[in-house]
Protein backbone atom coordinates (compact mmCIF):
# COMPACT_ATOMS: atom_id res chain seq x y z
CA MET A 1 20.35 98.99 -91.96
CA ASP A 2 19.82 98.52 -88.27
CA HIS A 3 18.65 94.92 -88.40
CA LYS A 4 21.93 93.91 -90.03
CA VAL A 5 23.88 95.44 -87.19
CA ASN A 6 21.81 93.62 -84.60
CA MET A 7 22.38 90.32 -86.33
CA ASN A 8 26.12 90.92 -86.60
CA MET A 9 26.43 91.95 -82.98
CA GLN A 10 24.17 89.34 -81.42
CA SER A 11 24.27 86.13 -83.45
CA THR A 12 25.90 84.32 -86.34
CA PRO A 13 23.63 83.73 -89.36
CA PRO A 14 23.02 80.05 -90.16
CA PRO A 15 24.95 78.43 -93.05
CA ARG A 16 23.60 79.11 -96.52
CA GLU A 17 22.76 75.42 -97.04
CA VAL A 18 20.49 75.50 -93.98
CA VAL A 19 18.71 78.61 -95.26
CA ASN A 20 18.27 77.07 -98.74
CA THR A 21 16.73 73.94 -97.20
CA LEU A 22 14.33 76.05 -95.14
CA LEU A 23 13.39 78.13 -98.19
CA THR A 24 12.50 74.99 -100.14
CA SER A 25 10.47 73.67 -97.22
CA TYR A 26 8.71 77.03 -96.81
CA GLU A 27 7.72 77.21 -100.49
CA THR A 28 6.33 73.66 -100.39
CA LEU A 29 4.39 74.09 -97.15
CA SER A 30 3.11 77.55 -98.09
CA LYS A 31 1.69 76.31 -101.41
CA ALA A 32 0.02 73.40 -99.62
CA GLY A 33 -1.41 75.70 -96.92
CA GLN A 34 0.51 73.77 -94.25
CA LEU A 35 2.83 76.45 -92.87
CA ASP A 36 1.75 75.41 -89.36
CA ARG A 37 4.02 72.38 -89.79
CA MET A 38 7.09 74.66 -89.78
CA SER A 39 8.53 75.46 -86.36
CA LYS A 40 8.57 79.04 -85.10
CA SER A 41 12.37 78.97 -84.82
CA ASP A 42 12.68 78.06 -88.52
CA ILE A 43 10.23 80.82 -89.44
CA LEU A 44 12.31 83.34 -87.48
CA VAL A 45 15.43 82.23 -89.36
CA LEU A 46 13.66 82.82 -92.68
CA ILE A 47 12.31 86.22 -91.63
CA ALA A 48 15.84 87.25 -90.61
CA HIS A 49 17.11 85.97 -93.98
CA PHE A 50 14.56 87.99 -95.96
CA ARG A 51 15.41 91.09 -93.93
CA GLU A 52 19.11 90.57 -94.52
CA GLU A 53 18.41 90.32 -98.26
CA ASP A 54 16.24 93.48 -98.14
CA ASP A 55 13.29 91.43 -99.37
CA TRP A 56 10.81 93.36 -97.23
CA ASN A 57 7.63 92.22 -98.98
CA GLU A 58 8.48 88.56 -98.41
CA ALA A 59 9.57 89.23 -94.82
CA LEU A 60 6.28 91.02 -94.11
CA ARG A 61 4.19 88.31 -95.78
CA LEU A 62 5.89 85.53 -93.83
CA SER A 63 5.57 87.38 -90.51
CA GLU A 64 1.87 87.97 -91.17
CA GLU A 65 1.32 84.29 -92.03
CA ALA A 66 3.27 83.21 -88.96
CA LEU A 67 1.17 85.44 -86.68
CA THR A 68 -2.00 83.73 -87.87
CA ILE A 69 -0.49 80.52 -86.47
CA HIS A 70 1.40 81.86 -83.43
CA ARG A 71 -1.01 84.55 -82.28
CA MET A 72 0.28 87.30 -79.95
CA ASP A 73 3.82 85.90 -80.17
CA GLY A 74 6.20 88.63 -78.95
CA GLU A 75 9.14 87.78 -81.24
CA LEU A 76 7.01 87.63 -84.38
CA LEU A 77 5.20 90.85 -83.45
CA THR A 78 8.53 92.59 -82.90
CA HIS A 79 9.80 91.45 -86.30
CA GLN A 80 6.63 92.63 -88.03
CA ILE A 81 6.76 96.06 -86.37
CA GLU A 82 10.43 96.48 -87.34
CA ILE A 83 9.64 95.46 -90.93
CA LEU A 84 6.77 97.96 -91.09
CA LEU A 85 9.11 100.68 -89.86
CA GLU A 86 11.69 99.75 -92.50
CA CYS A 87 8.87 100.01 -95.08
CA LYS A 88 7.99 103.48 -93.69
CA ARG A 89 4.53 102.44 -92.46
CA PRO A 90 4.62 103.94 -88.94
CA GLY A 91 0.84 104.10 -88.46
CA GLU A 92 0.47 100.32 -88.82
CA ALA A 93 3.55 99.82 -86.66
CA MET A 94 1.99 101.90 -83.85
CA GLU A 95 -1.18 99.77 -83.95
CA LEU A 96 0.84 96.58 -83.55
CA LEU A 97 2.94 98.19 -80.81
CA ALA A 98 -0.15 98.51 -78.65
CA ILE A 99 -0.76 94.77 -79.08
CA LEU A 100 2.88 93.95 -78.33
CA GLU A 101 2.81 96.00 -75.13
CA GLN A 102 -0.36 94.20 -74.03
CA SER A 103 1.31 90.84 -74.62
CA GLY A 104 4.17 91.80 -72.31
CA GLY A 105 6.90 92.51 -74.88
CA ASP A 106 10.31 93.87 -73.92
CA GLU A 107 9.82 97.41 -72.58
CA ILE A 108 13.05 98.88 -73.98
CA THR A 109 12.48 97.39 -77.44
CA SER A 110 8.91 98.70 -77.49
CA ALA A 111 10.07 102.17 -76.44
CA CYS A 112 12.73 102.24 -79.18
CA MET A 113 10.23 101.21 -81.84
CA ARG A 114 7.72 103.79 -80.63
CA ILE A 115 10.36 106.53 -80.89
CA LYS A 116 11.23 105.37 -84.43
CA ALA A 117 7.57 105.39 -85.45
CA MET A 118 7.00 108.86 -84.00
CA THR A 119 10.09 110.15 -85.80
CA GLN A 120 8.80 108.80 -89.12
CA MET A 121 5.47 110.50 -88.40
CA ASP A 122 7.39 113.80 -87.94
CA GLU A 123 6.55 113.96 -84.24
CA VAL A 124 10.24 114.57 -83.61
CA ASP A 125 9.92 116.78 -80.50
CA MET A 126 7.88 114.14 -78.66
CA ALA A 127 10.26 111.43 -79.87
CA ARG A 128 13.20 113.33 -78.35
CA VAL A 129 11.35 113.68 -75.03
CA LEU A 130 10.76 109.92 -74.93
CA LEU A 131 14.38 109.34 -75.91
CA THR A 132 15.65 111.49 -73.03
CA GLU A 133 13.47 109.56 -70.58
CA LEU A 134 14.67 106.24 -72.03
CA LYS A 135 18.34 107.15 -71.46
CA TYR A 136 17.74 107.34 -67.70
CA ARG A 137 16.39 103.82 -67.41
CA VAL A 138 18.13 101.81 -70.13
CA PRO A 139 20.77 99.31 -68.90
CA LYS A 140 24.38 99.92 -69.97
CA SER A 141 24.28 96.78 -72.11
CA ARG A 142 21.77 98.47 -74.42
CA MET A 143 23.07 102.03 -74.35
CA ALA A 144 24.63 101.68 -77.83
CA GLU A 145 21.22 100.82 -79.26
CA VAL A 146 19.72 103.97 -77.70
CA HIS A 147 22.55 106.22 -78.95
CA LEU A 148 22.05 104.80 -82.44
CA LEU A 149 18.37 105.63 -82.24
CA GLU A 150 19.24 109.10 -80.97
CA ALA A 151 21.46 109.67 -84.01
CA GLN A 152 18.60 108.74 -86.33
CA VAL A 153 16.17 111.07 -84.55
CA CYS A 154 18.66 113.96 -84.64
CA SER A 155 19.40 113.34 -88.31
CA ARG A 156 15.68 113.36 -89.12
CA ASN A 157 15.39 116.66 -87.24
CA GLY A 158 18.25 118.15 -89.28
CA ASP A 159 20.67 118.32 -86.32
CA GLN A 160 23.64 116.66 -88.01
CA HIS A 161 26.14 117.75 -85.34
CA ALA A 162 24.10 115.98 -82.63
CA ALA A 163 23.73 112.94 -84.92
CA TYR A 164 27.52 112.85 -85.43
CA THR A 165 28.10 113.03 -81.66
CA ALA A 166 25.59 110.22 -81.06
CA TYR A 167 27.28 107.97 -83.64
CA LYS A 168 30.58 108.57 -81.84
CA GLU A 169 28.98 107.43 -78.58
CA VAL A 170 27.79 104.24 -80.28
CA LEU A 171 31.29 103.50 -81.58
CA LYS A 172 32.90 104.13 -78.19
CA ILE A 173 30.79 101.25 -76.91
CA GLN A 174 30.75 99.08 -80.06
CA PRO A 175 33.70 100.07 -82.32
CA ARG A 176 32.48 97.75 -85.10
CA ASN A 177 28.82 98.76 -85.12
CA ARG A 178 28.17 98.65 -88.85
CA THR A 179 25.30 101.12 -88.99
CA ALA A 180 27.20 103.77 -87.03
CA LEU A 181 30.35 103.24 -89.11
CA GLU A 182 28.41 103.53 -92.36
CA ARG A 183 26.57 106.70 -91.34
CA ILE A 184 29.05 108.69 -89.27
CA TRP A 185 31.14 109.86 -92.23
CA LEU A 186 28.06 111.43 -93.87
CA ALA A 187 27.12 113.06 -90.56
CA SER A 188 30.68 114.37 -90.15
CA GLU A 189 30.54 115.84 -93.66
CA SER A 190 27.14 117.48 -93.10
CA SER A 191 28.25 118.95 -89.76
CA ARG A 192 31.77 119.88 -90.97
CA ASN A 193 33.44 117.71 -88.37
CA GLN A 194 35.98 116.06 -90.69
CA LYS A 195 39.02 116.98 -88.59
CA ASP A 196 37.43 115.56 -85.46
CA SER A 197 36.27 112.53 -87.44
CA LEU A 198 39.82 111.84 -88.63
CA GLN A 199 41.20 111.96 -85.09
CA PHE A 200 38.36 109.78 -83.77
CA HIS A 201 38.75 107.09 -86.44
CA LEU A 202 42.54 107.03 -86.05
CA GLU A 203 41.91 106.27 -82.38
CA LEU A 204 39.56 103.43 -83.37
CA ILE A 205 42.26 102.08 -85.70
CA ASP A 206 44.85 102.25 -82.89
CA GLN A 207 42.52 100.07 -80.80
CA ASP A 208 41.70 97.70 -83.67
CA PRO A 209 43.86 97.92 -86.83
CA TYR A 210 41.56 95.44 -88.61
CA ASN A 211 38.49 97.68 -88.47
CA GLY A 212 38.01 98.16 -92.22
CA MET A 213 35.18 100.70 -91.98
CA ALA A 214 37.25 102.84 -89.61
CA TRP A 215 39.99 102.89 -92.27
CA PHE A 216 37.39 103.89 -94.88
CA ASN A 217 36.09 106.76 -92.73
CA ALA A 218 39.63 107.92 -92.03
CA GLY A 219 40.20 107.90 -95.80
CA GLN A 220 37.13 110.08 -96.28
CA ALA A 221 38.43 112.61 -93.78
CA HIS A 222 41.93 112.60 -95.34
CA TYR A 223 40.37 113.12 -98.77
CA TYR A 224 38.31 116.09 -97.57
CA LEU A 225 41.44 117.61 -96.02
CA LEU A 226 43.28 117.17 -99.38
CA ARG A 227 45.72 114.61 -97.96
CA TYR A 228 45.57 112.46 -101.06
CA GLU A 229 48.36 109.99 -100.36
CA GLU A 230 47.04 109.33 -96.84
CA ALA A 231 43.54 108.94 -98.26
CA MET A 232 44.78 106.44 -100.88
CA GLU A 233 46.55 104.41 -98.23
CA ALA A 234 43.49 104.39 -95.96
CA PHE A 235 41.11 103.39 -98.79
CA GLU A 236 43.44 100.60 -99.91
CA TYR A 237 43.72 99.23 -96.36
CA ALA A 238 39.93 99.38 -96.16
CA GLY A 239 39.69 97.42 -99.41
CA LEU A 240 41.88 94.66 -98.01
CA LEU A 241 39.73 94.40 -94.88
CA GLU A 242 36.34 94.97 -96.56
CA PRO A 243 36.73 93.25 -99.94
CA GLN A 244 32.98 93.41 -100.74
CA PHE A 245 32.54 97.10 -99.89
CA LYS A 246 32.31 98.82 -103.28
CA LEU A 247 32.65 102.44 -102.14
CA THR A 248 36.16 102.06 -100.77
CA PHE A 249 37.45 100.91 -104.18
CA CYS A 250 35.53 103.66 -106.00
CA TYR A 251 36.97 106.34 -103.73
CA ALA A 252 40.46 104.87 -104.03
CA ALA A 253 40.09 105.09 -107.81
CA GLU A 254 38.75 108.65 -107.61
CA VAL A 255 41.72 109.78 -105.53
CA ALA A 256 44.19 107.97 -107.80
CA LEU A 257 42.71 109.74 -110.84
CA ALA A 258 42.89 113.08 -109.00
CA ILE A 259 46.62 112.66 -108.39
CA GLY A 260 47.32 111.44 -111.92
CA GLU A 261 47.73 107.70 -111.29
CA PRO A 262 45.13 106.07 -113.60
CA LYS A 263 46.82 102.65 -113.53
CA ARG A 264 46.54 102.56 -109.75
CA ALA A 265 42.90 103.58 -110.07
CA LEU A 266 42.29 100.85 -112.63
CA LYS A 267 43.73 98.19 -110.32
CA ASN A 268 41.26 99.13 -107.56
CA LEU A 269 38.32 99.08 -109.96
CA TYR A 270 39.25 95.71 -111.44
CA ASP A 271 39.64 94.32 -107.92
CA ILE A 272 36.04 95.14 -106.95
CA GLN A 273 34.58 94.37 -110.39
CA GLN A 274 35.66 90.75 -109.96
CA ARG A 275 33.60 90.43 -106.78
CA ILE A 276 30.31 92.22 -107.47
CA GLU A 277 27.66 92.48 -110.19
CA PRO A 278 28.35 94.88 -113.11
CA ASP A 279 27.90 98.45 -111.92
CA GLY A 280 27.46 101.55 -114.06
CA GLU A 281 29.51 103.79 -111.78
CA ILE A 282 32.46 101.40 -111.76
CA LEU A 283 32.31 100.97 -115.55
CA LYS A 284 32.26 104.76 -115.96
CA GLN A 285 35.31 105.12 -113.71
CA ILE A 286 37.15 102.43 -115.69
CA GLY A 287 36.36 104.44 -118.82
CA GLN A 288 37.82 107.54 -117.16
CA CYS A 289 40.98 105.62 -116.35
CA TYR A 290 41.47 104.58 -119.98
CA GLN A 291 40.67 108.13 -121.06
CA ALA A 292 43.39 109.41 -118.72
CA MET A 293 45.74 106.77 -120.15
CA GLU A 294 44.98 108.12 -123.66
CA ASN A 295 43.27 104.95 -124.83
CA PRO A 296 40.02 106.39 -126.29
CA SER A 297 38.79 103.19 -127.94
CA LYS A 298 38.95 101.27 -124.66
CA ALA A 299 37.44 104.23 -122.79
CA ARG A 300 34.55 104.40 -125.28
CA GLN A 301 33.88 100.68 -124.79
CA TYR A 302 33.44 101.12 -121.01
CA PHE A 303 31.45 104.35 -121.30
CA LEU A 304 28.99 102.60 -123.62
CA LEU A 305 28.67 99.71 -121.16
CA ALA A 306 28.09 102.24 -118.36
CA ARG A 307 25.47 104.03 -120.46
CA ASN A 308 23.48 100.80 -120.80
CA LEU A 309 23.22 100.63 -116.99
CA ASN A 310 22.89 104.39 -116.26
CA PRO A 311 21.22 105.93 -119.34
CA LEU A 312 20.55 109.28 -117.61
CA ASP A 313 24.10 109.93 -116.41
CA GLU A 314 25.00 113.06 -118.36
CA GLU A 315 28.74 112.76 -117.55
CA ILE A 316 28.92 109.55 -119.59
CA TYR A 317 27.60 111.36 -122.67
CA TYR A 318 29.89 114.31 -122.13
CA ARG A 319 32.90 112.00 -122.03
CA LEU A 320 31.66 110.08 -125.08
CA GLY A 321 31.21 113.40 -126.86
CA LYS A 322 34.82 114.34 -126.14
CA ILE A 323 36.00 111.02 -127.55
CA TYR A 324 33.88 111.41 -130.71
CA MET A 325 35.22 114.93 -131.22
CA LEU A 326 38.77 113.63 -130.77
CA GLU A 327 38.03 110.95 -133.37
CA LYS A 328 36.44 113.63 -135.63
CA LYS A 329 32.99 111.99 -135.68
CA PRO A 330 30.60 114.98 -135.50
CA VAL A 331 28.08 112.88 -137.42
CA LEU A 332 27.16 111.43 -134.02
CA GLN A 333 25.86 114.84 -132.88
CA PRO A 334 22.13 113.85 -133.14
CA VAL A 335 22.71 111.04 -130.67
CA ILE A 336 24.40 113.40 -128.21
CA LEU A 337 21.64 116.00 -128.71
CA ASN A 338 18.91 113.50 -127.99
CA VAL A 339 20.63 112.31 -124.83
CA LEU A 340 21.32 115.87 -123.70
CA SER A 341 17.59 116.56 -123.88
CA ILE A 342 16.78 113.53 -121.73
CA SER A 343 19.52 114.09 -119.17
CA THR A 344 18.88 117.82 -118.86
CA ILE A 345 15.17 117.27 -118.27
CA ALA A 346 16.13 114.78 -115.55
CA MET A 347 18.81 117.01 -114.01
CA LYS A 348 17.04 120.37 -114.57
CA THR A 349 20.39 121.93 -115.48
CA ILE A 350 23.08 122.27 -118.11
CA SER A 351 26.50 121.71 -116.63
CA PRO A 352 29.54 123.81 -117.59
CA ASP A 353 30.97 120.67 -119.19
CA TRP A 354 28.02 120.46 -121.59
CA ARG A 355 28.48 124.10 -122.55
CA LYS A 356 32.16 123.42 -123.12
CA LEU A 357 31.24 120.49 -125.35
CA ALA A 358 28.82 122.74 -127.24
CA GLY A 359 31.78 124.98 -127.98
CA ARG A 360 33.66 121.99 -129.38
CA TRP A 361 30.71 121.23 -131.69
CA GLN A 362 30.73 124.91 -132.72
CA ALA A 363 34.41 124.63 -133.69
CA GLY A 364 33.47 121.57 -135.73
CA GLY A 365 30.99 123.59 -137.79
CA SER A 366 27.63 122.66 -136.24
CA GLY A 367 25.39 124.82 -134.04
CA GLY A 368 22.76 122.21 -133.14
CA LEU A 369 24.03 121.63 -129.62
CA LEU A 370 24.38 125.39 -129.03
CA CYS A 371 20.75 125.81 -130.08
CA LYS A 372 19.70 122.99 -127.76
CA THR A 373 21.44 124.59 -124.76
CA THR A 374 19.42 127.79 -125.28
CA GLU A 375 16.19 125.79 -125.44
CA LEU A 376 16.91 123.78 -122.31
CA ALA A 377 18.32 126.61 -120.22
CA PRO A 378 17.08 129.92 -121.67
CA GLU A 379 17.93 131.75 -118.44
CA LEU A 380 21.70 131.30 -118.98
CA PRO A 381 23.09 134.30 -120.94
CA GLU A 382 26.34 132.55 -121.90
CA SER A 383 24.37 129.97 -123.92
CA TRP A 384 22.79 132.76 -126.01
CA VAL A 385 26.12 134.57 -126.44
CA ARG A 386 27.83 131.42 -127.76
CA TYR A 387 24.91 130.76 -130.14
CA ALA A 388 24.96 134.37 -131.38
CA GLU A 389 28.73 134.15 -131.95
CA PHE A 390 28.19 130.99 -133.99
CA LYS A 391 25.56 132.67 -136.20
CA PHE A 392 27.78 135.73 -136.65
CA SER A 393 30.77 133.58 -137.63
CA ARG A 394 28.63 132.02 -140.38
CA GLY A 395 27.63 135.41 -141.77
CA LEU A 396 24.08 135.14 -140.47
CA THR A 397 24.15 138.64 -138.99
CA ARG A 398 20.39 139.18 -138.88
CA LYS A 399 19.79 135.89 -137.03
């Protein structure tokens, strides 16, 4: 999110021990109704901490409490408006903006927040007019901030090509701007600019070979262009430089599986699993690796763990179904049927893989799953044909 970029670009967060001490002090003083004894600078550190942790309710509560003590304070007002915008409450943000402008807040900051609020209120045309005016008077030192805002406005308006171009302008000024680096690859995909994106990120890497997110974005472009080995190399470099960024390891594993290297995929997944909380997607991918390595018992173990975290992921059940069929355990069909009902209601579809699995159940002598596919997706003729074939094969001609 934007606030994280601003913190990274402008200041170094205080040590964790300092934050923990302030949190303890805040809890004590808040319970005693003596928050006025805490300095404004310490309050600002805590607000920044809550925002960094995405604890928006606590950040908003603290900023509101602080404003009852430090009335009309520009910094606290700015924080509260930004928090309201992150919480998608633009109407309240606009009301506070009027107060901030009366108190003599920074003109450029106020203009940026007004444009954000108007964009959230779907007044995109007016927001773009204000944005164009702002570009003519903003100092060069803050041009990256304006281009980033422009990208968000364009994205909200559905103009992904303009958003992609704006993110590029941000990165020409600030090559390590986290928000732009995290969002440009999605904008390039939506606007079909992957070839240009690859060239652009390779140029960023030439300037700074340690830019991990640039490596990740280059990997995305290579992957789209079916350059699997180049994509693997880029994702693995990104993993070395961004060891906490889960997606780069997941994509590295996905590419490795696509090119038939499950052991290489497994290494990437184990690397990230050691550094983050258990994740259903990672556990599912580990299961796929063991499935590709023809170790069904190990694969089943990880698919079941993944199911506990993502109970509506239909792919997990499809893969479990394949393992049970391989192990000749059709007695587990009721479990699969029940889950199919839940996942199909959630997804509003029956995937080709489920229909394929239904065929496997048919070969095993049971038509329950075939019947269920006709109930859940009656508009699909192939489901009825397969069910009719099953009935005919059992001599139930009339049915």
